[in-house]
Amino acid sequence: MMGHTIRFEWELPKPFLDMMAIDDAKLAEDVKRAAVLDWVRTEQLSWRAGAELLGMPLREFLTLMAAHKIPAAEYEAGWLDKELESFKAATSQDTA
């Protein structure tokens, strides 16, 4: 598959550079990772696509998501309560 290289310049004020204390290549990787994680968080990309873009196995990508507090599963409000009620109903039938 043919890719497309994106290049851009970003002038960071010196205080930010001092806080980062990293080289340009490391900073570029951090920015790339942040972009991919945000695209996954906002559901513009799947987990697999995110892992592929960063060149890492899916399991490693899921760990990265967790480290950045991006949930690997989302449930609607009240889902757990409904599941608990279903579980209670099923277990009460088993004991009857």
C-alpha atoms as a PDB file:
ATOM      1  CA  MET A   1       0.000   0.000   0.000  1.00  0.00           C
ATOM      2  CA  MET A   2       1.344   3.387  -0.953  1.00  0.00           C
ATOM      3  CA  GLY A   3       1.541   5.924   1.807  1.00  0.00           C
ATOM      4  CA  HIS A   4       1.675   9.664   1.946  1.00  0.00           C
ATOM      5  CA  THR A   5       4.263  11.442   4.044  1.00  0.00           C
ATOM      6  CA  ILE A   6       3.095  14.514   5.901  1.00  0.00           C
ATOM      7  CA  ARG A   7       5.643  17.076   6.987  1.00  0.00           C
ATOM      8  CA  PHE A   8       4.942  20.180   9.004  1.00  0.00           C
ATOM      9  CA  GLU A   9       6.813  22.682  11.082  1.00  0.00           C
ATOM     10  CA  TRP A  10       5.873  23.675  14.567  1.00  0.00           C
ATOM     11  CA  GLU A  11       7.734  26.399  16.374  1.00  0.00           C
ATOM     12  CA  LEU A  12       7.610  25.671  20.078  1.00  0.00           C
ATOM     13  CA  PRO A  13       8.525  28.354  22.596  1.00  0.00           C
ATOM     14  CA  LYS A  14      11.738  27.636  24.484  1.00  0.00           C
ATOM     15  CA  PRO A  15       9.997  26.940  27.849  1.00  0.00           C
ATOM     16  CA  PHE A  16       8.147  24.035  26.226  1.00  0.00           C
ATOM     17  CA  LEU A  17      11.336  22.680  24.699  1.00  0.00           C
ATOM     18  CA  ASP A  18      13.053  22.882  28.073  1.00  0.00           C
ATOM     19  CA  MET A  19      10.171  20.929  29.668  1.00  0.00           C
ATOM     20  CA  MET A  20      10.335  18.237  26.985  1.00  0.00           C
ATOM     21  CA  ALA A  21      14.123  17.786  27.080  1.00  0.00           C
ATOM     22  CA  ILE A  22      13.880  15.453  24.095  1.00  0.00           C
ATOM     23  CA  ASP A  23      15.208  15.454  20.559  1.00  0.00           C
ATOM     24  CA  ASP A  24      13.180  16.331  17.454  1.00  0.00           C
ATOM     25  CA  ALA A  25      12.706  12.695  16.383  1.00  0.00           C
ATOM     26  CA  LYS A  26      11.314  11.741  19.806  1.00  0.00           C
ATOM     27  CA  LEU A  27       9.046  14.777  19.814  1.00  0.00           C
ATOM     28  CA  ALA A  28       7.763  13.902  16.311  1.00  0.00           C
ATOM     29  CA  GLU A  29       6.943  10.357  17.500  1.00  0.00           C
ATOM     30  CA  ASP A  30       5.133  11.731  20.551  1.00  0.00           C
ATOM     31  CA  VAL A  31       3.047  14.050  18.363  1.00  0.00           C
ATOM     32  CA  LYS A  32       2.250  11.211  15.950  1.00  0.00           C
ATOM     33  CA  ARG A  33       1.210   8.941  18.840  1.00  0.00           C
ATOM     34  CA  ALA A  34      -0.944  11.704  20.350  1.00  0.00           C
ATOM     35  CA  ALA A  35      -2.704  12.303  17.021  1.00  0.00           C
ATOM     36  CA  VAL A  36      -3.447   8.602  16.493  1.00  0.00           C
ATOM     37  CA  LEU A  37      -4.674   8.168  20.063  1.00  0.00           C
ATOM     38  CA  ASP A  38      -6.967  11.179  19.684  1.00  0.00           C
ATOM     39  CA  TRP A  39      -8.371   9.810  16.398  1.00  0.00           C
ATOM     40  CA  VAL A  40      -9.106   6.521  18.153  1.00  0.00           C
ATOM     41  CA  ARG A  41     -10.603   8.289  21.193  1.00  0.00           C
ATOM     42  CA  THR A  42     -12.919  10.313  18.917  1.00  0.00           C
ATOM     43  CA  GLU A  43     -13.781   7.161  16.941  1.00  0.00           C
ATOM     44  CA  GLN A  44     -12.295   8.412  13.680  1.00  0.00           C
ATOM     45  CA  LEU A  45     -10.018   5.341  13.646  1.00  0.00           C
ATOM     46  CA  SER A  46     -10.447   1.779  14.839  1.00  0.00           C
ATOM     47  CA  TRP A  47      -8.069   0.254  17.377  1.00  0.00           C
ATOM     48  CA  ARG A  48      -6.551  -1.908  14.625  1.00  0.00           C
ATOM     49  CA  ALA A  49      -6.009   1.047  12.325  1.00  0.00           C
ATOM     50  CA  GLY A  50      -4.389   2.978  15.172  1.00  0.00           C
ATOM     51  CA  ALA A  51      -2.055   0.086  15.943  1.00  0.00           C
ATOM     52  CA  GLU A  52      -1.202  -0.244  12.259  1.00  0.00           C
ATOM     53  CA  LEU A  53      -0.446   3.469  11.877  1.00  0.00           C
ATOM     54  CA  LEU A  54       1.925   3.306  14.831  1.00  0.00           C
ATOM     55  CA  GLY A  55       3.464   0.041  13.629  1.00  0.00           C
ATOM     56  CA  MET A  56       2.722  -1.915  16.784  1.00  0.00           C
ATOM     57  CA  PRO A  57       0.831  -5.094  17.652  1.00  0.00           C
ATOM     58  CA  LEU A  58      -2.804  -4.589  18.687  1.00  0.00           C
ATOM     59  CA  ARG A  59      -2.141  -5.823  22.234  1.00  0.00           C
ATOM     60  CA  GLU A  60       0.630  -3.244  22.672  1.00  0.00           C
ATOM     61  CA  PHE A  61      -1.650  -0.533  21.252  1.00  0.00           C
ATOM     62  CA  LEU A  62      -4.411  -1.454  23.713  1.00  0.00           C
ATOM     63  CA  THR A  63      -1.867  -1.114  26.528  1.00  0.00           C
ATOM     64  CA  LEU A  64      -0.899   2.309  25.162  1.00  0.00           C
ATOM     65  CA  MET A  65      -4.575   3.295  25.080  1.00  0.00           C
ATOM     66  CA  ALA A  66      -4.950   2.240  28.713  1.00  0.00           C
ATOM     67  CA  ALA A  67      -1.865   4.240  29.692  1.00  0.00           C
ATOM     68  CA  HIS A  68      -3.530   7.300  28.146  1.00  0.00           C
ATOM     69  CA  LYS A  69      -6.872   6.528  29.821  1.00  0.00           C
ATOM     70  CA  ILE A  70      -8.649   5.756  26.538  1.00  0.00           C
ATOM     71  CA  PRO A  71     -11.236   3.064  27.225  1.00  0.00           C
ATOM     72  CA  ALA A  72     -11.131  -0.076  25.115  1.00  0.00           C
ATOM     73  CA  ALA A  73     -14.853  -0.570  25.689  1.00  0.00           C
ATOM     74  CA  GLU A  74     -17.699   1.865  26.092  1.00  0.00           C
ATOM     75  CA  TYR A  75     -21.135   1.086  27.422  1.00  0.00           C
ATOM     76  CA  GLU A  76     -24.300   3.133  27.481  1.00  0.00           C
ATOM     77  CA  ALA A  77     -25.419   4.658  30.752  1.00  0.00           C
ATOM     78  CA  GLY A  78     -27.410   2.128  32.735  1.00  0.00           C
ATOM     79  CA  TRP A  79     -25.965  -0.882  30.905  1.00  0.00           C
ATOM     80  CA  LEU A  80     -24.364  -2.337  34.025  1.00  0.00           C
ATOM     81  CA  ASP A  81     -27.589  -1.981  36.032  1.00  0.00           C
ATOM     82  CA  LYS A  82     -29.528  -3.848  33.307  1.00  0.00           C
ATOM     83  CA  GLU A  83     -26.907  -6.610  33.198  1.00  0.00           C
ATOM     84  CA  LEU A  84     -26.976  -6.936  36.980  1.00  0.00           C
ATOM     85  CA  GLU A  85     -30.770  -7.227  36.989  1.00  0.00           C
ATOM     86  CA  SER A  86     -30.596  -9.897  34.251  1.00  0.00           C
ATOM     87  CA  PHE A  87     -27.960 -11.765  36.247  1.00  0.00           C
ATOM     88  CA  LYS A  88     -30.043 -11.618  39.430  1.00  0.00           C
ATOM     89  CA  ALA A  89     -33.133 -12.834  37.557  1.00  0.00           C
ATOM     90  CA  ALA A  90     -31.209 -15.720  35.978  1.00  0.00           C
ATOM     91  CA  THR A  91     -29.596 -16.794  39.261  1.00  0.00           C
ATOM     92  CA  SER A  92     -32.896 -16.613  41.166  1.00  0.00           C
ATOM     93  CA  GLN A  93     -34.454 -18.947  38.587  1.00  0.00           C
ATOM     94  CA  ASP A  94     -31.546 -21.384  39.015  1.00  0.00           C
ATOM     95  CA  THR A  95     -32.113 -21.565  42.790  1.00  0.00           C
ATOM     96  CA  ALA A  96     -35.902 -21.913  42.540  1.00  0.00           C
END
